[in-house]
N, C-alpha and C. Protein backbone atom coordinates (compact mmCIF):
# COMPACT_ATOMS: atom_id res chain seq x y z
N MET A 1 58.44 89.30 128.48
CA MET A 1 59.95 88.86 128.63
C MET A 1 60.69 90.04 129.31
N GLY A 2 61.53 89.72 130.34
CA GLY A 2 62.21 90.65 130.93
C GLY A 2 63.44 91.27 130.27
N ARG A 3 64.02 92.33 130.73
CA ARG A 3 65.14 92.91 130.03
C ARG A 3 66.32 91.86 129.98
N GLN A 4 66.60 91.03 130.93
CA GLN A 4 67.62 89.96 130.85
C GLN A 4 67.32 89.05 129.60
N GLY A 5 65.99 88.75 129.48
CA GLY A 5 65.74 87.85 128.44
C GLY A 5 65.93 88.40 127.09
N LEU A 6 65.46 89.71 126.96
CA LEU A 6 65.79 90.29 125.75
C LEU A 6 67.22 90.45 125.36
N PHE A 7 68.04 90.64 126.42
CA PHE A 7 69.49 90.73 126.22
C PHE A 7 70.06 89.43 125.69
N VAL A 8 69.51 88.32 126.23
CA VAL A 8 70.06 86.97 125.80
C VAL A 8 69.54 86.75 124.37
N VAL A 9 68.29 87.04 124.01
CA VAL A 9 67.87 86.86 122.63
C VAL A 9 68.59 87.74 121.73
N GLY A 10 68.84 89.00 122.05
CA GLY A 10 69.61 89.89 121.14
C GLY A 10 71.08 89.34 120.91
N ALA A 11 71.67 88.83 122.04
CA ALA A 11 73.00 88.36 121.89
C ALA A 11 72.97 87.12 121.06
N LEU A 12 72.10 86.36 121.15
CA LEU A 12 71.92 85.07 120.42
C LEU A 12 71.77 85.42 118.84
N CYS A 13 70.89 86.37 118.62
CA CYS A 13 70.67 86.76 117.20
C CYS A 13 71.93 87.41 116.70
N GLY A 14 72.73 88.12 117.47
CA GLY A 14 73.97 88.64 117.01
C GLY A 14 74.94 87.62 116.71
N PHE A 15 74.96 86.60 117.55
CA PHE A 15 75.81 85.39 117.28
C PHE A 15 75.42 84.63 116.02
N LEU A 16 74.17 84.46 115.86
CA LEU A 16 73.73 83.76 114.62
C LEU A 16 74.03 84.67 113.33
N TYR A 17 73.81 85.96 113.55
CA TYR A 17 74.12 86.78 112.37
C TYR A 17 75.51 86.78 112.02
N SER A 18 76.43 86.92 113.10
CA SER A 18 77.81 86.81 112.86
C SER A 18 78.31 85.53 112.16
N GLY A 19 77.55 84.44 112.56
CA GLY A 19 77.81 83.04 112.11
C GLY A 19 77.61 83.01 110.62
N VAL A 20 76.54 83.64 110.22
CA VAL A 20 76.08 83.65 108.82
C VAL A 20 77.15 84.42 107.98
N VAL A 21 77.64 85.54 108.55
CA VAL A 21 78.52 86.44 107.76
C VAL A 21 79.98 85.86 107.78
N TRP A 22 80.38 85.54 108.97
CA TRP A 22 81.71 85.19 109.09
C TRP A 22 82.07 83.62 109.15
N ALA A 23 81.25 82.76 109.50
CA ALA A 23 81.67 81.34 109.58
C ALA A 23 82.21 80.84 108.25
N GLU A 24 81.58 81.35 107.16
CA GLU A 24 82.03 80.84 105.88
C GLU A 24 81.80 81.93 104.88
N ALA A 25 82.90 82.48 104.41
CA ALA A 25 82.75 83.58 103.33
C ALA A 25 82.82 82.81 102.02
N LYS A 26 81.70 82.64 101.29
CA LYS A 26 81.65 81.87 100.13
C LYS A 26 81.98 82.76 99.00
N ILE A 27 82.33 82.16 97.80
CA ILE A 27 82.53 82.98 96.59
C ILE A 27 81.24 83.57 96.05
N THR A 28 80.29 82.64 95.92
CA THR A 28 78.90 83.08 95.59
C THR A 28 77.99 82.25 96.58
N GLN A 29 76.72 82.41 96.56
CA GLN A 29 75.89 81.72 97.47
C GLN A 29 75.87 80.27 97.22
N GLU A 30 76.19 79.91 95.98
CA GLU A 30 76.20 78.39 95.63
C GLU A 30 77.62 77.84 95.64
N ILE A 31 78.66 78.68 95.60
CA ILE A 31 79.95 78.15 95.48
C ILE A 31 80.87 78.53 96.63
N ALA A 32 81.45 77.62 97.43
CA ALA A 32 82.29 77.91 98.50
C ALA A 32 83.70 77.94 98.05
N SER A 33 84.01 77.02 97.17
CA SER A 33 85.40 76.93 96.59
C SER A 33 85.37 76.21 95.26
N ILE A 34 86.47 76.34 94.56
CA ILE A 34 86.66 75.48 93.32
C ILE A 34 88.13 75.06 93.31
N THR A 35 88.27 74.01 92.53
CA THR A 35 89.70 73.52 92.33
C THR A 35 90.04 73.66 90.94
N VAL A 36 91.21 74.23 90.62
CA VAL A 36 91.68 74.43 89.26
C VAL A 36 93.11 73.92 89.11
N PRO A 37 93.46 73.48 87.87
CA PRO A 37 94.83 73.21 87.45
C PRO A 37 95.66 74.38 87.54
N HIS A 38 96.82 74.32 88.13
CA HIS A 38 97.85 75.32 88.21
C HIS A 38 99.20 74.70 87.95
N GLY A 39 99.71 74.72 86.69
CA GLY A 39 100.83 73.98 86.33
C GLY A 39 100.50 72.56 86.45
N THR A 40 101.40 71.81 87.19
CA THR A 40 101.12 70.44 87.34
C THR A 40 100.36 70.02 88.65
N LYS A 41 99.89 71.07 89.41
CA LYS A 41 99.21 70.87 90.63
C LYS A 41 97.80 71.31 90.48
N GLN A 42 97.01 70.85 91.45
CA GLN A 42 95.58 71.36 91.66
C GLN A 42 95.44 72.31 92.82
N VAL A 43 94.89 73.40 92.65
CA VAL A 43 94.83 74.51 93.61
C VAL A 43 93.40 74.75 93.84
N THR A 44 93.04 74.87 95.29
CA THR A 44 91.73 75.23 95.59
C THR A 44 91.56 76.77 95.83
N VAL A 45 90.58 77.28 95.19
CA VAL A 45 90.30 78.74 95.25
C VAL A 45 89.23 78.92 96.26
N THR A 46 89.48 79.77 97.23
CA THR A 46 88.51 80.12 98.26
C THR A 46 88.63 81.58 98.67
N ARG A 47 87.76 82.03 99.56
CA ARG A 47 87.88 83.33 100.02
C ARG A 47 88.53 83.40 101.34
N GLU A 48 89.22 84.47 101.67
CA GLU A 48 89.76 84.74 103.00
C GLU A 48 88.76 84.59 104.14
N GLN A 49 88.94 83.85 105.23
CA GLN A 49 87.89 83.54 106.25
C GLN A 49 88.15 84.45 107.45
N ASP A 50 89.15 85.11 107.46
CA ASP A 50 89.52 86.01 108.70
C ASP A 50 88.81 87.38 108.46
N PRO A 51 87.79 87.58 109.35
CA PRO A 51 87.02 88.90 109.14
C PRO A 51 87.90 90.17 109.38
N SER A 52 89.05 90.02 110.02
CA SER A 52 89.90 91.17 110.36
C SER A 52 90.92 91.38 109.15
N ALA A 53 90.92 90.55 108.16
CA ALA A 53 91.88 90.65 107.09
C ALA A 53 91.62 91.84 106.31
N VAL A 54 92.64 92.57 105.67
CA VAL A 54 92.45 93.76 104.86
C VAL A 54 93.38 93.59 103.57
N ILE A 55 92.94 94.40 102.58
CA ILE A 55 93.76 94.28 101.36
C ILE A 55 95.18 94.63 101.41
N ASP A 56 95.92 94.02 100.60
CA ASP A 56 97.47 94.30 100.43
C ASP A 56 97.50 95.79 100.17
N PRO A 57 98.42 96.46 100.99
CA PRO A 57 98.69 97.94 100.82
C PRO A 57 99.01 98.30 99.35
N VAL A 58 99.66 97.49 98.64
CA VAL A 58 100.10 97.84 97.26
C VAL A 58 98.84 98.13 96.47
N PHE A 59 97.75 97.46 96.72
CA PHE A 59 96.49 97.57 96.05
C PHE A 59 95.46 98.50 96.71
N ALA A 60 95.81 99.13 97.79
CA ALA A 60 95.10 99.98 98.52
C ALA A 60 95.23 101.50 98.17
N ARG A 61 96.37 101.67 97.50
CA ARG A 61 96.79 103.09 97.00
C ARG A 61 95.69 103.65 96.13
N VAL A 62 95.38 104.95 96.23
CA VAL A 62 94.40 105.51 95.50
C VAL A 62 94.91 106.57 94.46
N SER A 63 96.21 106.95 94.80
CA SER A 63 96.84 107.89 93.89
C SER A 63 97.87 107.31 93.06
N ARG A 64 97.84 107.28 91.78
CA ARG A 64 98.73 106.75 90.81
C ARG A 64 98.81 107.59 89.68
N PRO A 65 100.02 107.95 89.16
CA PRO A 65 100.28 108.94 88.11
C PRO A 65 99.57 108.33 86.80
N CYS A 66 98.94 109.20 86.09
CA CYS A 66 98.37 108.87 84.79
C CYS A 66 98.78 109.80 83.77
N PRO A 67 99.63 109.33 82.72
CA PRO A 67 100.04 107.96 82.48
C PRO A 67 101.12 107.58 83.44
N PRO A 68 101.31 106.16 83.54
CA PRO A 68 100.66 105.21 82.81
C PRO A 68 99.44 104.47 83.35
N TYR A 69 99.27 104.84 84.67
CA TYR A 69 98.12 104.26 85.49
C TYR A 69 96.76 104.98 85.31
N CYS A 70 96.24 104.83 84.12
CA CYS A 70 94.99 105.59 83.81
C CYS A 70 93.80 104.60 83.85
N ALA A 71 92.53 105.19 84.13
CA ALA A 71 91.37 104.42 84.17
C ALA A 71 91.12 103.70 82.73
N GLN A 72 90.83 102.45 82.71
CA GLN A 72 90.70 101.71 81.49
C GLN A 72 89.18 101.70 81.06
N PRO A 73 88.87 101.69 79.88
CA PRO A 73 87.42 101.64 79.47
C PRO A 73 86.82 100.38 79.81
N MET A 74 85.54 100.31 80.14
CA MET A 74 84.82 99.17 80.34
C MET A 74 84.91 98.22 79.21
N VAL A 75 84.81 98.66 77.96
CA VAL A 75 84.92 97.83 76.72
C VAL A 75 86.12 98.18 75.97
N VAL A 76 87.14 97.28 75.97
CA VAL A 76 88.26 97.48 75.26
C VAL A 76 88.24 97.56 73.90
N LEU A 77 87.42 96.61 73.26
CA LEU A 77 87.17 96.70 71.77
C LEU A 77 85.84 96.14 71.62
N PRO A 78 85.08 96.48 70.46
CA PRO A 78 83.76 95.85 70.11
C PRO A 78 83.95 94.38 70.04
N ARG A 79 82.98 93.67 70.64
CA ARG A 79 82.80 92.12 70.59
C ARG A 79 83.94 91.51 71.44
N VAL A 80 84.63 92.31 72.37
CA VAL A 80 85.53 91.67 73.31
C VAL A 80 84.74 91.85 74.65
N GLN A 81 84.36 90.81 75.28
CA GLN A 81 83.50 90.87 76.50
C GLN A 81 84.27 91.20 77.75
N THR A 82 83.74 92.15 78.58
CA THR A 82 84.32 92.35 79.87
C THR A 82 83.54 91.61 80.86
N ILE A 83 84.33 90.95 81.85
CA ILE A 83 83.68 90.11 82.81
C ILE A 83 84.01 90.42 84.20
N GLY A 84 83.35 89.89 85.23
CA GLY A 84 83.57 90.06 86.59
C GLY A 84 84.00 88.82 87.25
N GLU A 85 84.04 88.88 88.56
CA GLU A 85 84.52 87.72 89.33
C GLU A 85 83.71 86.43 89.12
N VAL A 86 82.32 86.64 89.12
CA VAL A 86 81.51 85.40 88.96
C VAL A 86 81.71 84.75 87.53
N GLU A 87 81.81 85.59 86.56
CA GLU A 87 82.08 84.99 85.16
C GLU A 87 83.47 84.41 85.08
N LEU A 88 84.39 84.94 85.89
CA LEU A 88 85.80 84.37 85.88
C LEU A 88 85.74 83.09 86.56
N ILE A 89 85.12 82.98 87.67
CA ILE A 89 85.02 81.63 88.41
C ILE A 89 84.35 80.65 87.39
N ASP A 90 83.30 81.01 86.72
CA ASP A 90 82.58 80.12 85.83
C ASP A 90 83.56 79.70 84.75
N PHE A 91 84.37 80.57 84.25
CA PHE A 91 85.37 80.21 83.13
C PHE A 91 86.41 79.19 83.74
N MET A 92 86.84 79.39 84.91
CA MET A 92 87.74 78.51 85.68
C MET A 92 87.16 77.19 85.81
N ARG A 93 85.97 77.08 86.15
CA ARG A 93 85.35 75.83 86.40
C ARG A 93 85.01 75.05 85.06
N THR A 94 85.08 75.69 83.98
CA THR A 94 84.49 75.19 82.67
C THR A 94 85.76 75.03 81.80
N HIS A 95 85.97 76.22 81.08
CA HIS A 95 87.04 76.24 79.88
C HIS A 95 88.37 75.92 80.44
N LEU A 96 88.73 76.48 81.65
CA LEU A 96 90.07 76.19 82.14
C LEU A 96 90.30 74.69 82.55
N LYS A 97 89.32 74.19 83.17
CA LYS A 97 89.29 72.66 83.52
C LYS A 97 89.38 71.76 82.29
N ALA A 98 88.65 72.18 81.25
CA ALA A 98 88.42 71.34 80.11
C ALA A 98 89.59 71.51 79.17
N GLY A 99 90.43 72.48 79.40
CA GLY A 99 91.58 72.75 78.49
C GLY A 99 91.12 73.54 77.25
N THR A 100 89.98 74.08 77.16
CA THR A 100 89.42 74.82 76.04
C THR A 100 89.70 76.38 76.23
N GLY A 101 90.24 76.73 77.38
CA GLY A 101 90.46 78.17 77.72
C GLY A 101 91.79 78.29 78.47
N VAL A 102 92.29 79.58 78.41
CA VAL A 102 93.56 79.90 79.10
C VAL A 102 93.33 81.18 79.86
N LEU A 103 93.77 81.25 81.09
CA LEU A 103 93.79 82.41 81.98
C LEU A 103 95.06 82.99 81.86
N VAL A 104 95.11 84.29 81.38
CA VAL A 104 96.35 84.84 81.07
C VAL A 104 96.68 86.02 81.99
N ASP A 105 97.78 85.88 82.75
CA ASP A 105 98.26 87.13 83.43
C ASP A 105 99.11 87.83 82.49
N ALA A 106 98.63 88.92 82.01
CA ALA A 106 99.29 89.74 80.95
C ALA A 106 100.33 90.68 81.62
N ARG A 107 100.53 90.61 82.87
CA ARG A 107 101.48 91.56 83.38
C ARG A 107 102.98 91.17 83.18
N THR A 108 103.89 92.13 83.50
CA THR A 108 105.25 91.95 83.30
C THR A 108 105.73 90.77 84.31
N PRO A 109 106.77 90.04 83.98
CA PRO A 109 107.18 88.89 84.94
C PRO A 109 107.43 89.38 86.35
N ASP A 110 108.00 90.42 86.61
CA ASP A 110 108.19 90.93 88.00
C ASP A 110 106.98 91.01 88.77
N TRP A 111 105.85 91.39 88.17
CA TRP A 111 104.48 91.46 88.88
C TRP A 111 103.98 89.96 88.94
N HIS A 112 104.05 89.27 88.04
CA HIS A 112 103.54 87.84 87.96
C HIS A 112 104.34 87.05 89.17
N ALA A 113 105.63 87.27 89.43
CA ALA A 113 106.42 86.50 90.43
C ALA A 113 105.93 86.95 91.77
N LYS A 114 105.17 87.95 91.95
CA LYS A 114 104.70 88.39 93.29
C LYS A 114 103.50 87.60 93.73
N GLY A 115 102.83 86.97 92.81
CA GLY A 115 101.65 86.19 92.99
C GLY A 115 100.66 86.43 92.03
N THR A 116 99.91 85.35 91.69
CA THR A 116 99.02 85.29 90.50
C THR A 116 97.66 84.61 90.88
N ILE A 117 96.69 84.82 89.97
CA ILE A 117 95.48 84.11 90.17
C ILE A 117 95.58 82.61 89.84
N PRO A 118 95.21 81.72 90.49
CA PRO A 118 95.47 80.25 90.28
C PRO A 118 94.90 79.84 88.90
N GLY A 119 95.78 79.14 88.23
CA GLY A 119 95.39 78.60 86.84
C GLY A 119 96.02 79.57 85.73
N SER A 120 96.52 80.67 86.21
CA SER A 120 97.00 81.56 85.20
C SER A 120 98.41 81.25 84.62
N ILE A 121 98.70 81.59 83.49
CA ILE A 121 100.02 81.59 82.87
C ILE A 121 100.42 82.93 82.54
N ASN A 122 101.77 83.14 82.57
CA ASN A 122 102.17 84.58 82.29
C ASN A 122 102.55 84.81 80.86
N VAL A 123 101.82 85.60 80.08
CA VAL A 123 102.20 85.97 78.80
C VAL A 123 102.21 87.48 78.84
N PRO A 124 103.42 88.18 79.05
CA PRO A 124 103.39 89.59 79.21
C PRO A 124 102.83 90.23 77.92
N TYR A 125 102.15 91.41 78.17
CA TYR A 125 101.40 92.07 77.12
C TYR A 125 102.42 92.46 75.95
N THR A 126 103.73 92.62 76.26
CA THR A 126 104.76 92.98 75.33
C THR A 126 104.90 91.78 74.30
N ASP A 127 104.68 90.58 74.73
CA ASP A 127 105.03 89.37 73.86
C ASP A 127 103.92 89.24 72.75
N VAL A 128 102.87 89.91 72.78
CA VAL A 128 101.84 89.75 71.70
C VAL A 128 101.48 91.02 70.97
N ASN A 129 102.42 91.94 71.09
CA ASN A 129 102.35 93.26 70.46
C ASN A 129 103.47 93.61 69.46
N PRO A 130 103.30 93.41 68.20
CA PRO A 130 104.25 93.74 67.09
C PRO A 130 104.52 95.24 67.31
N SER A 131 103.58 96.08 67.57
CA SER A 131 103.79 97.52 67.67
C SER A 131 104.70 97.98 68.80
N LEU A 132 104.86 97.05 69.79
CA LEU A 132 105.77 97.31 70.99
C LEU A 132 107.12 96.60 70.71
N GLY A 133 107.35 95.96 69.55
CA GLY A 133 108.52 95.43 69.31
C GLY A 133 108.84 93.92 69.40
N ALA A 134 107.68 93.17 69.65
CA ALA A 134 107.78 91.85 69.83
C ALA A 134 108.15 91.20 68.55
N ASP A 135 109.27 90.30 68.53
CA ASP A 135 109.58 89.74 67.28
C ASP A 135 108.69 88.49 66.94
N GLU A 136 108.86 87.96 65.79
CA GLU A 136 108.00 86.94 65.25
C GLU A 136 108.11 85.62 66.13
N MET A 137 109.32 85.34 66.57
CA MET A 137 109.48 84.02 67.34
C MET A 137 108.77 84.15 68.61
N VAL A 138 108.85 85.32 69.36
CA VAL A 138 108.14 85.61 70.62
C VAL A 138 106.72 85.47 70.41
N ILE A 139 106.16 86.14 69.44
CA ILE A 139 104.73 86.10 69.20
C ILE A 139 104.24 84.75 68.87
N GLU A 140 105.03 84.02 67.99
CA GLU A 140 104.57 82.62 67.65
C GLU A 140 104.57 81.72 68.82
N LYS A 141 105.61 81.82 69.74
CA LYS A 141 105.62 81.07 70.99
C LYS A 141 104.40 81.37 71.85
N ALA A 142 104.12 82.61 71.98
CA ALA A 142 102.89 83.01 72.75
C ALA A 142 101.70 82.41 72.23
N LEU A 143 101.44 82.55 70.94
CA LEU A 143 100.18 82.12 70.26
C LEU A 143 100.14 80.60 70.39
N GLU A 144 101.15 79.96 70.35
CA GLU A 144 101.16 78.43 70.50
C GLU A 144 100.50 78.01 71.77
N ARG A 145 100.80 78.80 72.79
CA ARG A 145 100.14 78.43 74.16
C ARG A 145 98.67 78.56 74.09
N PHE A 146 98.18 79.34 73.17
CA PHE A 146 96.76 79.51 73.04
C PHE A 146 96.15 78.79 71.98
N GLY A 147 96.79 77.79 71.42
CA GLY A 147 96.28 76.84 70.44
C GLY A 147 96.39 77.38 69.03
N VAL A 148 97.18 78.35 68.77
CA VAL A 148 97.33 78.93 67.49
C VAL A 148 98.66 78.47 66.73
N ARG A 149 98.54 77.87 65.67
CA ARG A 149 99.85 77.42 64.98
C ARG A 149 99.83 77.85 63.61
N ASN A 150 100.97 78.33 63.18
CA ASN A 150 101.22 78.63 61.77
C ASN A 150 100.20 79.68 61.23
N GLY A 151 99.73 80.59 62.12
CA GLY A 151 98.77 81.59 61.65
C GLY A 151 97.29 81.01 61.58
N ASP A 152 97.10 79.80 62.11
CA ASP A 152 95.76 79.23 62.00
C ASP A 152 95.00 79.36 63.28
N PHE A 153 93.96 80.22 63.32
CA PHE A 153 93.24 80.58 64.35
C PHE A 153 91.99 79.71 64.58
N SER A 154 91.84 78.76 63.79
CA SER A 154 90.61 77.94 63.78
C SER A 154 90.46 77.14 65.19
N LYS A 155 91.63 76.86 65.91
CA LYS A 155 91.61 76.12 67.00
C LYS A 155 91.94 77.00 68.22
N ALA A 156 91.97 78.30 68.01
CA ALA A 156 92.31 79.22 69.11
C ALA A 156 91.46 78.97 70.34
N LYS A 157 91.98 79.03 71.55
CA LYS A 157 91.25 78.85 72.82
C LYS A 157 90.70 80.13 73.21
N SER A 158 89.72 80.00 74.07
CA SER A 158 89.06 81.24 74.72
C SER A 158 90.16 81.67 75.83
N LEU A 159 90.31 83.04 75.87
CA LEU A 159 91.27 83.56 76.69
C LEU A 159 90.62 84.63 77.63
N VAL A 160 90.97 84.52 78.95
CA VAL A 160 90.66 85.64 79.89
C VAL A 160 91.92 86.36 80.21
N LEU A 161 91.91 87.64 79.86
CA LEU A 161 93.23 88.36 80.14
C LEU A 161 93.02 89.37 81.28
N TRP A 162 94.02 89.56 82.13
CA TRP A 162 93.83 90.39 83.28
C TRP A 162 95.16 90.93 83.69
N CYS A 163 95.13 92.02 84.36
CA CYS A 163 96.41 92.62 85.02
C CYS A 163 96.12 93.07 86.36
N ASN A 164 96.57 94.24 86.72
CA ASN A 164 96.49 94.72 88.16
C ASN A 164 95.28 95.36 88.59
N GLY A 165 94.40 95.77 87.59
CA GLY A 165 93.06 96.37 88.03
C GLY A 165 92.63 97.46 86.94
N SER A 166 91.56 98.04 87.29
CA SER A 166 90.97 98.90 86.27
C SER A 166 91.88 100.09 85.83
N TRP A 167 92.89 100.39 86.56
CA TRP A 167 93.86 101.37 86.22
C TRP A 167 95.09 100.87 85.53
N CYS A 168 95.12 99.64 85.23
CA CYS A 168 96.20 99.00 84.62
C CYS A 168 96.00 98.67 83.10
N GLY A 169 96.83 99.14 82.36
CA GLY A 169 96.64 99.02 80.88
C GLY A 169 97.29 97.91 80.16
N GLN A 170 97.99 96.97 81.04
CA GLN A 170 98.62 95.84 80.37
C GLN A 170 97.78 94.90 79.59
N SER A 171 96.70 94.46 80.32
CA SER A 171 95.81 93.42 79.61
C SER A 171 95.06 94.05 78.44
N PRO A 172 94.47 95.31 78.58
CA PRO A 172 93.89 95.91 77.39
C PRO A 172 94.88 96.05 76.29
N THR A 173 96.15 96.33 76.47
CA THR A 173 97.15 96.50 75.44
C THR A 173 97.45 95.08 74.81
N ALA A 174 97.46 93.96 75.62
CA ALA A 174 97.61 92.62 75.12
C ALA A 174 96.40 92.18 74.20
N ILE A 175 95.15 92.62 74.67
CA ILE A 175 93.94 92.28 73.89
C ILE A 175 94.05 92.99 72.47
N ARG A 176 94.40 94.24 72.44
CA ARG A 176 94.55 94.98 71.26
C ARG A 176 95.57 94.39 70.29
N GLY A 177 96.67 93.94 71.01
CA GLY A 177 97.75 93.27 70.23
C GLY A 177 97.29 91.97 69.60
N LEU A 178 96.56 91.13 70.37
CA LEU A 178 96.01 89.86 69.83
C LEU A 178 95.13 90.07 68.65
N VAL A 179 94.27 90.97 68.85
CA VAL A 179 93.28 91.41 67.70
C VAL A 179 94.02 91.79 66.48
N GLU A 180 95.00 92.59 66.60
CA GLU A 180 95.95 93.00 65.53
C GLU A 180 96.49 91.81 64.83
N LEU A 181 96.89 90.82 65.65
CA LEU A 181 97.50 89.54 65.00
C LEU A 181 96.38 88.66 64.42
N GLY A 182 95.15 88.96 64.57
CA GLY A 182 94.12 88.17 63.98
C GLY A 182 93.34 87.21 64.91
N TYR A 183 93.58 87.37 66.23
CA TYR A 183 92.81 86.58 67.22
C TYR A 183 91.31 86.86 67.14
N PRO A 184 90.45 85.84 67.18
CA PRO A 184 88.99 86.09 67.11
C PRO A 184 88.55 86.84 68.31
N ARG A 185 87.92 88.03 68.21
CA ARG A 185 87.52 88.85 69.32
C ARG A 185 86.48 88.09 70.21
N GLU A 186 85.68 87.23 69.67
CA GLU A 186 84.65 86.47 70.44
C GLU A 186 85.30 85.56 71.43
N LYS A 187 86.59 85.29 71.25
CA LYS A 187 87.28 84.35 72.17
C LYS A 187 88.27 85.04 73.13
N LEU A 188 88.09 86.42 73.15
CA LEU A 188 88.78 87.25 74.13
C LEU A 188 87.90 87.77 75.21
N PHE A 189 88.30 87.62 76.41
CA PHE A 189 87.58 88.20 77.59
C PHE A 189 88.48 89.04 78.48
N TYR A 190 88.02 90.15 79.04
CA TYR A 190 88.81 91.09 79.71
C TYR A 190 88.25 91.05 81.21
N TYR A 191 89.08 90.54 82.11
CA TYR A 191 88.75 90.65 83.49
C TYR A 191 89.31 91.99 84.00
N ARG A 192 88.47 92.97 83.98
CA ARG A 192 88.92 94.41 84.23
C ARG A 192 89.45 94.69 85.73
N GLY A 193 88.77 93.92 86.62
CA GLY A 193 89.02 94.06 88.07
C GLY A 193 90.49 93.72 88.42
N GLY A 194 90.87 92.65 87.68
CA GLY A 194 92.35 92.23 87.80
C GLY A 194 92.62 91.78 89.30
N MET A 195 93.96 91.95 89.58
CA MET A 195 94.47 91.38 90.81
C MET A 195 93.83 92.36 92.10
N GLN A 196 93.60 93.54 91.79
CA GLN A 196 93.19 94.33 92.84
C GLN A 196 91.69 93.92 93.22
N ALA A 197 90.70 93.67 92.30
CA ALA A 197 89.43 93.22 92.78
C ALA A 197 89.56 91.79 93.33
N TRP A 198 90.40 90.95 92.74
CA TRP A 198 90.57 89.56 93.15
C TRP A 198 91.00 89.58 94.69
N LYS A 199 91.80 90.53 95.03
CA LYS A 199 92.33 90.61 96.45
C LYS A 199 91.27 91.28 97.33
N ILE A 200 90.56 92.14 96.72
CA ILE A 200 89.47 92.80 97.53
C ILE A 200 88.46 91.80 98.03
N TYR A 201 88.20 90.76 97.10
CA TYR A 201 87.27 89.75 97.57
C TYR A 201 87.98 88.67 98.33
N GLY A 202 89.22 88.84 98.66
CA GLY A 202 89.94 87.76 99.55
C GLY A 202 90.13 86.44 98.83
N LEU A 203 90.13 86.50 97.43
CA LEU A 203 90.26 85.24 96.82
C LEU A 203 91.83 84.80 96.79
N THR A 204 91.93 83.44 96.66
CA THR A 204 93.31 82.80 96.70
C THR A 204 94.31 83.42 95.65
N VAL A 205 95.46 83.67 96.15
CA VAL A 205 96.61 84.11 95.29
C VAL A 205 97.74 83.13 95.52
N VAL A 206 98.43 82.68 94.47
CA VAL A 206 99.38 81.67 94.48
C VAL A 206 100.67 82.10 93.79
N PRO A 207 101.85 81.51 94.09
CA PRO A 207 103.05 81.83 93.30
C PRO A 207 102.88 81.25 91.90
N PRO A 208 103.77 81.75 91.07
CA PRO A 208 103.70 81.21 89.53
C PRO A 208 103.75 79.61 89.60
N ALA A 209 103.27 79.02 88.70
CA ALA A 209 103.33 77.56 88.54
C ALA A 209 104.80 77.19 88.27
N GLU A 210 105.09 75.93 88.79
CA GLU A 210 106.58 75.41 88.53
C GLU A 210 106.72 75.37 87.07
N GLY A 211 108.00 75.74 86.71
CA GLY A 211 108.52 75.68 85.27
C GLY A 211 108.13 76.93 84.49
N GLU A 212 107.45 77.90 85.05
CA GLU A 212 107.14 79.11 84.23
C GLU A 212 108.37 79.99 84.36
């Protein structure tokens, strides 16, 4: 084969390789997208398909003062499982769709208003922390959203709590507050990567659900 023929084959291989990488950026090898309830709407979660896209500059910063932006432990509390993106997607496909689980954006409302993970509701970490001054009515209202009524945790839903990333202490603080209130640890999950990891993967971000 001549040099020209090798060039054509190489170009074709490069084109095919690019097609595999860029034609469709899936979430996992088996999952290209999922659809989840977000308020009264259904939202499709996919990955960004533009190969030139880059992360939001807000989440590209590498220098943040500690405190408050300190590295969070991999395990918040014993028997509280830390999960990654694949486990979160599985939770969204199962518990969230079935209504047996809640995806909790534990950030303050100003952060939530800038965009959230589809299917999330905003329950700020301060609303489930008696030690931070949350009053009984605020706590009770928050717990009711999780299936807890009158202090009865027997029907408590599984929760995935998240915030801005592994340097954000808001969701770990929420988890500790919920455990202090009596929430079953086995029903609490910590998405440590938070919004930063979600955006690094180019996954769908949406405005807060209507009515929140």
